[in-house]
């Protein structure tokens, strides 16, 4: 939990996501640094990966284990997905996976 709480990112997905054993990798623009490149997101934090697509924004602040996905286009009427990883499992919009 402490390791994941120290991770921070604010990315716009610009290219396809590939799954590696411990992380997801994608072409993305870092909104804080204002530059594009390859980004890696820990698989434990990436439980919302099936919902990612190009143009979406992924954010995570230091000090918590919540990842927010803002969709460019809504899925089933939902534009924002909140994923939280806890010692008791992963949740999306408050529902267990």
PDB file of N, CA and C in Angstrom:
ATOM      1  N   UNK A   1       0.829  -1.195   0.000  1.00  0.00           N
ATOM      2  CA  UNK A   1       0.000   0.000   0.000  1.00  0.00           C
ATOM      3  C   UNK A   1       0.870   1.254   0.000  1.00  0.00           C
ATOM      4  N   UNK A   2       1.908   1.260   0.836  1.00  0.00           N
ATOM      5  CA  UNK A   2       2.743   2.452   0.924  1.00  0.00           C
ATOM      6  C   UNK A   2       3.466   2.720  -0.398  1.00  0.00           C
ATOM      7  N   UNK A   3       3.944   1.658  -1.069  1.00  0.00           N
ATOM      8  CA  UNK A   3       4.608   1.820  -2.365  1.00  0.00           C
ATOM      9  C   UNK A   3       3.671   2.480  -3.374  1.00  0.00           C
ATOM     10  N   UNK A   4       2.458   1.964  -3.489  1.00  0.00           N
ATOM     11  CA  UNK A   4       1.501   2.509  -4.450  1.00  0.00           C
ATOM     12  C   UNK A   4       1.058   3.920  -4.094  1.00  0.00           C
ATOM     13  N   UNK A   5       1.015   4.265  -2.810  1.00  0.00           N
ATOM     14  CA  UNK A   5       0.566   5.604  -2.431  1.00  0.00           C
ATOM     15  C   UNK A   5       1.585   6.672  -2.812  1.00  0.00           C
ATOM     16  N   UNK A   6       2.841   6.302  -3.040  1.00  0.00           N
ATOM     17  CA  UNK A   6       3.868   7.278  -3.418  1.00  0.00           C
ATOM     18  C   UNK A   6       3.943   7.529  -4.918  1.00  0.00           C
ATOM     19  N   UNK A   7       3.186   6.786  -5.714  1.00  0.00           N
ATOM     20  CA  UNK A   7       3.190   6.951  -7.170  1.00  0.00           C
ATOM     21  C   UNK A   7       2.237   8.084  -7.544  1.00  0.00           C
ATOM     22  N   UNK A   8       2.656   8.890  -8.524  1.00  0.00           N
ATOM     23  CA  UNK A   8       1.826   9.993  -9.000  1.00  0.00           C
ATOM     24  C   UNK A   8       1.933  10.068 -10.521  1.00  0.00           C
ATOM     25  N   UNK A   9       0.804  10.269 -11.198  1.00  0.00           N
ATOM     26  CA  UNK A   9       0.847  10.494 -12.637  1.00  0.00           C
ATOM     27  C   UNK A   9      -0.386  11.268 -13.080  1.00  0.00           C
ATOM     28  N   UNK A  10      -0.253  11.921 -14.237  1.00  0.00           N
ATOM     29  CA  UNK A  10      -1.317  12.689 -14.855  1.00  0.00           C
ATOM     30  C   UNK A  10      -1.077  12.588 -16.355  1.00  0.00           C
ATOM     31  N   UNK A  11      -1.705  11.608 -17.008  1.00  0.00           N
ATOM     32  CA  UNK A  11      -1.388  11.236 -18.382  1.00  0.00           C
ATOM     33  C   UNK A  11      -2.595  11.278 -19.302  1.00  0.00           C
ATOM     34  N   UNK A  12      -2.350  11.650 -20.560  1.00  0.00           N
ATOM     35  CA  UNK A  12      -3.343  11.466 -21.620  1.00  0.00           C
ATOM     36  C   UNK A  12      -2.817  10.344 -22.497  1.00  0.00           C
ATOM     37  N   UNK A  13      -3.620   9.312 -22.699  1.00  0.00           N
ATOM     38  CA  UNK A  13      -3.201   8.153 -23.484  1.00  0.00           C
ATOM     39  C   UNK A  13      -3.198   8.530 -24.963  1.00  0.00           C
ATOM     40  N   UNK A  14      -2.033   8.355 -25.604  1.00  0.00           N
ATOM     41  CA  UNK A  14      -1.885   8.712 -27.012  1.00  0.00           C
ATOM     42  C   UNK A  14      -1.718   7.504 -27.937  1.00  0.00           C
ATOM     43  N   UNK A  15      -1.426   6.342 -27.367  1.00  0.00           N
ATOM     44  CA  UNK A  15      -1.204   5.157 -28.189  1.00  0.00           C
ATOM     45  C   UNK A  15      -1.701   3.913 -27.486  1.00  0.00           C
ATOM     46  N   UNK A  16      -1.640   2.781 -28.159  1.00  0.00           N
ATOM     47  CA  UNK A  16      -2.187   1.542 -27.596  1.00  0.00           C
ATOM     48  C   UNK A  16      -1.458   1.102 -26.331  1.00  0.00           C
ATOM     49  N   UNK A  17      -2.185   0.379 -25.493  1.00  0.00           N
ATOM     50  CA  UNK A  17      -1.644  -0.153 -24.250  1.00  0.00           C
ATOM     51  C   UNK A  17      -1.187  -1.592 -24.461  1.00  0.00           C
ATOM     52  N   UNK A  18      -0.006  -1.915 -23.953  1.00  0.00           N
ATOM     53  CA  UNK A  18       0.469  -3.295 -23.983  1.00  0.00           C
ATOM     54  C   UNK A  18       0.599  -3.782 -22.549  1.00  0.00           C
ATOM     55  N   UNK A  19       0.308  -5.051 -22.331  1.00  0.00           N
ATOM     56  CA  UNK A  19       0.377  -5.641 -20.996  1.00  0.00           C
ATOM     57  C   UNK A  19       1.695  -6.383 -20.829  1.00  0.00           C
ATOM     58  N   UNK A  20       2.427  -6.013 -19.815  1.00  0.00           N
ATOM     59  CA  UNK A  20       3.653  -6.696 -19.421  1.00  0.00           C
ATOM     60  C   UNK A  20       3.349  -7.428 -18.116  1.00  0.00           C
ATOM     61  N   UNK A  21       4.258  -8.301 -17.649  1.00  0.00           N
ATOM     62  CA  UNK A  21       3.955  -9.066 -16.432  1.00  0.00           C
ATOM     63  C   UNK A  21       3.612  -8.207 -15.206  1.00  0.00           C
ATOM     64  N   UNK A  22       4.281  -7.068 -15.021  1.00  0.00           N
ATOM     65  CA  UNK A  22       4.064  -6.270 -13.811  1.00  0.00           C
ATOM     66  C   UNK A  22       3.469  -4.893 -14.064  1.00  0.00           C
ATOM     67  N   UNK A  23       3.284  -4.512 -15.313  1.00  0.00           N
ATOM     68  CA  UNK A  23       2.794  -3.171 -15.612  1.00  0.00           C
ATOM     69  C   UNK A  23       2.139  -3.124 -16.988  1.00  0.00           C
ATOM     70  N   UNK A  24       1.418  -2.036 -17.222  1.00  0.00           N
ATOM     71  CA  UNK A  24       0.880  -1.725 -18.540  1.00  0.00           C
ATOM     72  C   UNK A  24       1.735  -0.600 -19.105  1.00  0.00           C
ATOM     73  N   UNK A  25       2.036  -0.670 -20.397  1.00  0.00           N
ATOM     74  CA  UNK A  25       2.852   0.361 -21.031  1.00  0.00           C
ATOM     75  C   UNK A  25       2.084   0.954 -22.209  1.00  0.00           C
ATOM     76  N   UNK A  26       2.211   2.257 -22.394  1.00  0.00           N
ATOM     77  CA  UNK A  26       1.466   2.938 -23.452  1.00  0.00           C
ATOM     78  C   UNK A  26       2.205   4.197 -23.885  1.00  0.00           C
ATOM     79  N   UNK A  27       1.857   4.700 -25.067  1.00  0.00           N
ATOM     80  CA  UNK A  27       2.295   6.028 -25.470  1.00  0.00           C
ATOM     81  C   UNK A  27       1.367   7.005 -24.771  1.00  0.00           C
ATOM     82  N   UNK A  28       1.944   7.999 -24.082  1.00  0.00           N
ATOM     83  CA  UNK A  28       1.121   8.946 -23.334  1.00  0.00           C
ATOM     84  C   UNK A  28       1.815  10.292 -23.238  1.00  0.00           C
ATOM     85  N   UNK A  29       1.004  11.314 -23.002  1.00  0.00           N
ATOM     86  CA  UNK A  29       1.535  12.649 -22.764  1.00  0.00           C
ATOM     87  C   UNK A  29       1.435  12.936 -21.276  1.00  0.00           C
ATOM     88  N   UNK A  30       2.557  13.271 -20.660  1.00  0.00           N
ATOM     89  CA  UNK A  30       2.599  13.664 -19.255  1.00  0.00           C
ATOM     90  C   UNK A  30       2.142  15.115 -19.181  1.00  0.00           C
ATOM     91  N   UNK A  31       1.010  15.364 -18.542  1.00  0.00           N
ATOM     92  CA  UNK A  31       0.459  16.710 -18.487  1.00  0.00           C
ATOM     93  C   UNK A  31       1.238  17.632 -17.557  1.00  0.00           C
ATOM     94  N   UNK A  32       1.964  17.067 -16.606  1.00  0.00           N
ATOM     95  CA  UNK A  32       2.774  17.888 -15.700  1.00  0.00           C
ATOM     96  C   UNK A  32       4.046  18.353 -16.405  1.00  0.00           C
ATOM     97  N   UNK A  33       4.716  17.426 -17.117  1.00  0.00           N
ATOM     98  CA  UNK A  33       5.951  17.765 -17.825  1.00  0.00           C
ATOM     99  C   UNK A  33       5.690  18.311 -19.228  1.00  0.00           C
ATOM    100  N   UNK A  34       4.455  18.171 -19.719  1.00  0.00           N
ATOM    101  CA  UNK A  34       4.047  18.614 -21.051  1.00  0.00           C
ATOM    102  C   UNK A  34       4.914  17.994 -22.151  1.00  0.00           C
ATOM    103  N   UNK A  35       5.114  16.654 -22.051  1.00  0.00           N
ATOM    104  CA  UNK A  35       5.853  15.957 -23.100  1.00  0.00           C
ATOM    105  C   UNK A  35       5.305  14.541 -23.263  1.00  0.00           C
ATOM    106  N   UNK A  36       5.481  14.018 -24.467  1.00  0.00           N
ATOM    107  CA  UNK A  36       4.998  12.673 -24.792  1.00  0.00           C
ATOM    108  C   UNK A  36       6.123  11.661 -24.704  1.00  0.00           C
ATOM    109  N   UNK A  37       5.761  10.399 -24.478  1.00  0.00           N
ATOM    110  CA  UNK A  37       6.718   9.305 -24.411  1.00  0.00           C
ATOM    111  C   UNK A  37       6.023   8.031 -24.000  1.00  0.00           C
ATOM    112  N   UNK A  38       6.816   7.021 -23.635  1.00  0.00           N
ATOM    113  CA  UNK A  38       6.269   5.752 -23.146  1.00  0.00           C
ATOM    114  C   UNK A  38       6.037   5.871 -21.644  1.00  0.00           C
ATOM    115  N   UNK A  39       4.877   5.440 -21.189  1.00  0.00           N
ATOM    116  CA  UNK A  39       4.541   5.485 -19.762  1.00  0.00           C
ATOM    117  C   UNK A  39       4.218   4.080 -19.287  1.00  0.00           C
ATOM    118  N   UNK A  40       4.562   3.804 -18.041  1.00  0.00           N
ATOM    119  CA  UNK A  40       4.259   2.515 -17.420  1.00  0.00           C
ATOM    120  C   UNK A  40       3.374   2.752 -16.200  1.00  0.00           C
ATOM    121  N   UNK A  41       2.328   1.938 -16.088  1.00  0.00           N
ATOM    122  CA  UNK A  41       1.428   1.994 -14.943  1.00  0.00           C
ATOM    123  C   UNK A  41       1.403   0.615 -14.307  1.00  0.00           C
ATOM    124  N   UNK A  42       1.677   0.552 -13.016  1.00  0.00           N
ATOM    125  CA  UNK A  42       1.697  -0.705 -12.268  1.00  0.00           C
ATOM    126  C   UNK A  42       0.376  -1.444 -12.451  1.00  0.00           C
ATOM    127  N   UNK A  43       0.439  -2.750 -12.670  1.00  0.00           N
ATOM    128  CA  UNK A  43      -0.781  -3.545 -12.893  1.00  0.00           C
ATOM    129  C   UNK A  43      -1.727  -3.484 -11.704  1.00  0.00           C
ATOM    130  N   UNK A  44      -1.186  -3.362 -10.494  1.00  0.00           N
ATOM    131  CA  UNK A  44      -2.051  -3.252  -9.318  1.00  0.00           C
ATOM    132  C   UNK A  44      -2.902  -1.999  -9.339  1.00  0.00           C
ATOM    133  N   UNK A  45      -2.373  -0.938  -9.941  1.00  0.00           N
ATOM    134  CA  UNK A  45      -3.126   0.313 -10.038  1.00  0.00           C
ATOM    135  C   UNK A  45      -3.949   0.376 -11.311  1.00  0.00           C
ATOM    136  N   UNK A  46      -3.680  -0.530 -12.243  1.00  0.00           N
ATOM    137  CA  UNK A  46      -4.322  -0.468 -13.553  1.00  0.00           C
ATOM    138  C   UNK A  46      -5.533  -1.345 -13.705  1.00  0.00           C
ATOM    139  N   UNK A  47      -6.318  -1.522 -12.657  1.00  0.00           N
ATOM    140  CA  UNK A  47      -7.466  -2.430 -12.743  1.00  0.00           C
ATOM    141  C   UNK A  47      -8.542  -1.927 -13.703  1.00  0.00           C
ATOM    142  N   UNK A  48      -8.459  -0.672 -14.120  1.00  0.00           N
ATOM    143  CA  UNK A  48      -9.441  -0.155 -15.066  1.00  0.00           C
ATOM    144  C   UNK A  48      -8.936  -0.225 -16.502  1.00  0.00           C
ATOM    145  N   UNK A  49      -7.842  -0.991 -16.732  1.00  0.00           N
ATOM    146  CA  UNK A  49      -7.251  -1.064 -18.069  1.00  0.00           C
ATOM    147  C   UNK A  49      -8.233  -1.467 -19.169  1.00  0.00           C
ATOM    148  N   UNK A  50      -9.218  -2.335 -18.931  1.00  0.00           N
ATOM    149  CA  UNK A  50     -10.134  -2.671 -20.029  1.00  0.00           C
ATOM    150  C   UNK A  50     -10.931  -1.463 -20.531  1.00  0.00           C
ATOM    151  N   UNK A  51     -11.021  -0.425 -19.724  1.00  0.00           N
ATOM    152  CA  UNK A  51     -11.790   0.754 -20.098  1.00  0.00           C
ATOM    153  C   UNK A  51     -10.950   1.865 -20.730  1.00  0.00           C
ATOM    154  N   UNK A  52      -9.625   1.725 -20.784  1.00  0.00           N
ATOM    155  CA  UNK A  52      -8.766   2.768 -21.349  1.00  0.00           C
ATOM    156  C   UNK A  52      -8.881   2.792 -22.858  1.00  0.00           C
ATOM    157  N   UNK A  53      -8.758   3.970 -23.435  1.00  0.00           N
ATOM    158  CA  UNK A  53      -8.633   4.110 -24.882  1.00  0.00           C
ATOM    159  C   UNK A  53      -7.903   5.418 -25.188  1.00  0.00           C
ATOM    160  N   UNK A  54      -7.476   5.565 -26.431  1.00  0.00           N
ATOM    161  CA  UNK A  54      -6.711   6.738 -26.829  1.00  0.00           C
ATOM    162  C   UNK A  54      -7.539   7.999 -26.601  1.00  0.00           C
ATOM    163  N   UNK A  55      -6.908   9.008 -26.007  1.00  0.00           N
ATOM    164  CA  UNK A  55      -7.567  10.271 -25.702  1.00  0.00           C
ATOM    165  C   UNK A  55      -8.066  10.379 -24.281  1.00  0.00           C
ATOM    166  N   UNK A  56      -8.088   9.275 -23.548  1.00  0.00           N
ATOM    167  CA  UNK A  56      -8.525   9.289 -22.152  1.00  0.00           C
ATOM    168  C   UNK A  56      -7.414   9.826 -21.249  1.00  0.00           C
ATOM    169  N   UNK A  57      -7.794  10.317 -20.079  1.00  0.00           N
ATOM    170  CA  UNK A  57      -6.848  10.854 -19.107  1.00  0.00           C
ATOM    171  C   UNK A  57      -6.824   9.960 -17.871  1.00  0.00           C
ATOM    172  N   UNK A  58      -5.618   9.600 -17.417  1.00  0.00           N
ATOM    173  CA  UNK A  58      -5.413   8.824 -16.188  1.00  0.00           C
ATOM    174  C   UNK A  58      -4.710   9.715 -15.174  1.00  0.00           C
ATOM    175  N   UNK A  59      -5.252   9.798 -13.965  1.00  0.00           N
ATOM    176  CA  UNK A  59      -4.605  10.592 -12.934  1.00  0.00           C
ATOM    177  C   UNK A  59      -4.533   9.809 -11.632  1.00  0.00           C
ATOM    178  N   UNK A  60      -3.462  10.048 -10.891  1.00  0.00           N
ATOM    179  CA  UNK A  60      -3.295   9.494  -9.553  1.00  0.00           C
ATOM    180  C   UNK A  60      -2.448  10.460  -8.756  1.00  0.00           C
ATOM    181  N   UNK A  61      -2.912  10.831  -7.577  1.00  0.00           N
ATOM    182  CA  UNK A  61      -2.187  11.732  -6.694  1.00  0.00           C
ATOM    183  C   UNK A  61      -1.384  10.942  -5.675  1.00  0.00           C
ATOM    184  N   UNK A  62      -0.288  11.535  -5.195  1.00  0.00           N
ATOM    185  CA  UNK A  62       0.488  10.915  -4.128  1.00  0.00           C
ATOM    186  C   UNK A  62      -0.356  10.855  -2.872  1.00  0.00           C
ATOM    187  N   UNK A  63      -0.119   9.833  -2.076  1.00  0.00           N
ATOM    188  CA  UNK A  63      -0.790   9.717  -0.790  1.00  0.00           C
ATOM    189  C   UNK A  63      -2.066   8.899  -0.801  1.00  0.00           C
ATOM    190  N   UNK A  64      -2.460   8.359  -1.963  1.00  0.00           N
ATOM    191  CA  UNK A  64      -3.644   7.499  -1.988  1.00  0.00           C
ATOM    192  C   UNK A  64      -3.456   6.399  -3.019  1.00  0.00           C
ATOM    193  N   UNK A  65      -4.421   5.503  -3.103  1.00  0.00           N
ATOM    194  CA  UNK A  65      -4.342   4.398  -4.061  1.00  0.00           C
ATOM    195  C   UNK A  65      -5.491   4.461  -5.061  1.00  0.00           C
ATOM    196  N   UNK A  66      -5.954   5.675  -5.346  1.00  0.00           N
ATOM    197  CA  UNK A  66      -7.082   5.879  -6.254  1.00  0.00           C
ATOM    198  C   UNK A  66      -6.575   6.354  -7.611  1.00  0.00           C
ATOM    199  N   UNK A  67      -7.017   5.672  -8.672  1.00  0.00           N
ATOM    200  CA  UNK A  67      -6.712   6.073 -10.038  1.00  0.00           C
ATOM    201  C   UNK A  67      -8.027   6.537 -10.671  1.00  0.00           C
ATOM    202  N   UNK A  68      -8.002   7.721 -11.276  1.00  0.00           N
ATOM    203  CA  UNK A  68      -9.194   8.269 -11.916  1.00  0.00           C
ATOM    204  C   UNK A  68      -8.995   8.221 -13.427  1.00  0.00           C
ATOM    205  N   UNK A  69      -9.949   7.647 -14.117  1.00  0.00           N
ATOM    206  CA  UNK A  69      -9.949   7.572 -15.575  1.00  0.00           C
ATOM    207  C   UNK A  69     -11.059   8.484 -16.080  1.00  0.00           C
ATOM    208  N   UNK A  70     -10.678   9.508 -16.858  1.00  0.00           N
ATOM    209  CA  UNK A  70     -11.662  10.393 -17.474  1.00  0.00           C
ATOM    210  C   UNK A  70     -11.719  10.033 -18.950  1.00  0.00           C
ATOM    211  N   UNK A  71     -12.854   9.515 -19.363  1.00  0.00           N
ATOM    212  CA  UNK A  71     -13.051   9.075 -20.742  1.00  0.00           C
ATOM    213  C   UNK A  71     -13.238  10.264 -21.671  1.00  0.00           C
ATOM    214  N   UNK A  72     -12.639  10.175 -22.858  1.00  0.00           N
ATOM    215  CA  UNK A  72     -12.872  11.178 -23.885  1.00  0.00           C
ATOM    216  C   UNK A  72     -14.325  11.067 -24.365  1.00  0.00           C
ATOM    217  N   UNK A  73     -14.787   9.807 -24.535  1.00  0.00           N
ATOM    218  CA  UNK A  73     -16.176   9.535 -24.904  1.00  0.00           C
ATOM    219  C   UNK A  73     -16.754   8.590 -23.850  1.00  0.00           C
ATOM    220  N   UNK A  74     -17.942   8.857 -23.344  1.00  0.00           N
ATOM    221  CA  UNK A  74     -18.538   8.017 -22.295  1.00  0.00           C
ATOM    222  C   UNK A  74     -18.751   6.563 -22.735  1.00  0.00           C
ATOM    223  N   UNK A  75     -18.665   5.643 -21.774  1.00  0.00           N
ATOM    224  CA  UNK A  75     -19.014   4.232 -21.968  1.00  0.00           C
ATOM    225  C   UNK A  75     -20.279   3.985 -21.152  1.00  0.00           C
ATOM    226  N   UNK A  76     -21.327   3.564 -21.823  1.00  0.00           N
ATOM    227  CA  UNK A  76     -22.607   3.289 -21.162  1.00  0.00           C
ATOM    228  C   UNK A  76     -23.046   4.457 -20.290  1.00  0.00           C
ATOM    229  N   UNK A  77     -22.826   5.682 -20.777  1.00  0.00           N
ATOM    230  CA  UNK A  77     -23.242   6.878 -20.050  1.00  0.00           C
ATOM    231  C   UNK A  77     -22.288   7.327 -18.961  1.00  0.00           C
ATOM    232  N   UNK A  78     -21.190   6.600 -18.741  1.00  0.00           N
ATOM    233  CA  UNK A  78     -20.243   6.956 -17.684  1.00  0.00           C
ATOM    234  C   UNK A  78     -18.982   7.536 -18.306  1.00  0.00           C
ATOM    235  N   UNK A  79     -18.554   8.698 -17.823  1.00  0.00           N
ATOM    236  CA  UNK A  79     -17.358   9.332 -18.346  1.00  0.00           C
ATOM    237  C   UNK A  79     -16.188   9.214 -17.371  1.00  0.00           C
ATOM    238  N   UNK A  80     -16.461   9.110 -16.069  1.00  0.00           N
ATOM    239  CA  UNK A  80     -15.390   9.046 -15.071  1.00  0.00           C
ATOM    240  C   UNK A  80     -15.478   7.719 -14.331  1.00  0.00           C
ATOM    241  N   UNK A  81     -14.347   7.004 -14.288  1.00  0.00           N
ATOM    242  CA  UNK A  81     -14.235   5.755 -13.550  1.00  0.00           C
ATOM    243  C   UNK A  81     -13.217   5.959 -12.439  1.00  0.00           C
ATOM    244  N   UNK A  82     -13.536   5.515 -11.237  1.00  0.00           N
ATOM    245  CA  UNK A  82     -12.634   5.623 -10.100  1.00  0.00           C
ATOM    246  C   UNK A  82     -12.244   4.223  -9.679  1.00  0.00           C
ATOM    247  N   UNK A  83     -10.956   3.926  -9.741  1.00  0.00           N
ATOM    248  CA  UNK A  83     -10.433   2.621  -9.370  1.00  0.00           C
ATOM    249  C   UNK A  83      -9.620   2.776  -8.096  1.00  0.00           C
ATOM    250  N   UNK A  84      -9.857   1.894  -7.129  1.00  0.00           N
ATOM    251  CA  UNK A  84      -9.084   1.941  -5.889  1.00  0.00           C
ATOM    252  C   UNK A  84      -8.553   0.558  -5.563  1.00  0.00           C
ATOM    253  N   UNK A  85      -7.261   0.485  -5.281  1.00  0.00           N
ATOM    254  CA  UNK A  85      -6.623  -0.755  -4.864  1.00  0.00           C
ATOM    255  C   UNK A  85      -6.435  -0.687  -3.361  1.00  0.00           C
ATOM    256  N   UNK A  86      -6.934  -1.710  -2.649  1.00  0.00           N
ATOM    257  CA  UNK A  86      -6.770  -1.782  -1.200  1.00  0.00           C
ATOM    258  C   UNK A  86      -6.258  -3.171  -0.834  1.00  0.00           C
ATOM    259  N   UNK A  87      -5.904  -3.344   0.408  1.00  0.00           N
ATOM    260  CA  UNK A  87      -5.471  -4.662   0.883  1.00  0.00           C
ATOM    261  C   UNK A  87      -6.612  -5.673   0.821  1.00  0.00           C
ATOM    262  N   UNK A  88      -7.844  -5.186   0.722  1.00  0.00           N
ATOM    263  CA  UNK A  88      -9.016  -6.052   0.648  1.00  0.00           C
ATOM    264  C   UNK A  88      -9.468  -6.316  -0.784  1.00  0.00           C
ATOM    265  N   UNK A  89      -8.697  -5.835  -1.776  1.00  0.00           N
ATOM    266  CA  UNK A  89      -9.045  -6.065  -3.172  1.00  0.00           C
ATOM    267  C   UNK A  89      -9.152  -4.772  -3.950  1.00  0.00           C
ATOM    268  N   UNK A  90      -9.547  -4.902  -5.216  1.00  0.00           N
ATOM    269  CA  UNK A  90      -9.690  -3.749  -6.102  1.00  0.00           C
ATOM    270  C   UNK A  90     -11.160  -3.419  -6.299  1.00  0.00           C
ATOM    271  N   UNK A  91     -11.433  -2.129  -6.474  1.00  0.00           N
ATOM    272  CA  UNK A  91     -12.796  -1.649  -6.645  1.00  0.00           C
ATOM    273  C   UNK A  91     -12.838  -0.675  -7.812  1.00  0.00           C
ATOM    274  N   UNK A  92     -13.906  -0.707  -8.597  1.00  0.00           N
ATOM    275  CA  UNK A  92     -14.162   0.284  -9.629  1.00  0.00           C
ATOM    276  C   UNK A  92     -15.491   0.933  -9.327  1.00  0.00           C
ATOM    277  N   UNK A  93     -15.478   2.257  -9.168  1.00  0.00           N
ATOM    278  CA  UNK A  93     -16.659   3.020  -8.782  1.00  0.00           C
ATOM    279  C   UNK A  93     -17.327   2.417  -7.553  1.00  0.00           C
ATOM    280  N   UNK A  94     -16.505   1.959  -6.612  1.00  0.00           N
ATOM    281  CA  UNK A  94     -16.990   1.411  -5.348  1.00  0.00           C
ATOM    282  C   UNK A  94     -17.420  -0.037  -5.376  1.00  0.00           C
ATOM    283  N   UNK A  95     -17.439  -0.662  -6.555  1.00  0.00           N
ATOM    284  CA  UNK A  95     -17.859  -2.053  -6.692  1.00  0.00           C
ATOM    285  C   UNK A  95     -16.632  -2.956  -6.782  1.00  0.00           C
ATOM    286  N   UNK A  96     -16.607  -4.100  -6.061  1.00  0.00           N
ATOM    287  CA  UNK A  96     -15.465  -5.012  -6.150  1.00  0.00           C
ATOM    288  C   UNK A  96     -15.331  -5.609  -7.541  1.00  0.00           C
ATOM    289  N   UNK A  97     -14.093  -5.883  -7.926  1.00  0.00           N
ATOM    290  CA  UNK A  97     -13.846  -6.529  -9.238  1.00  0.00           C
ATOM    291  C   UNK A  97     -14.224  -7.975  -9.189  1.00  0.00           C
TER     292      UNK A  97
END
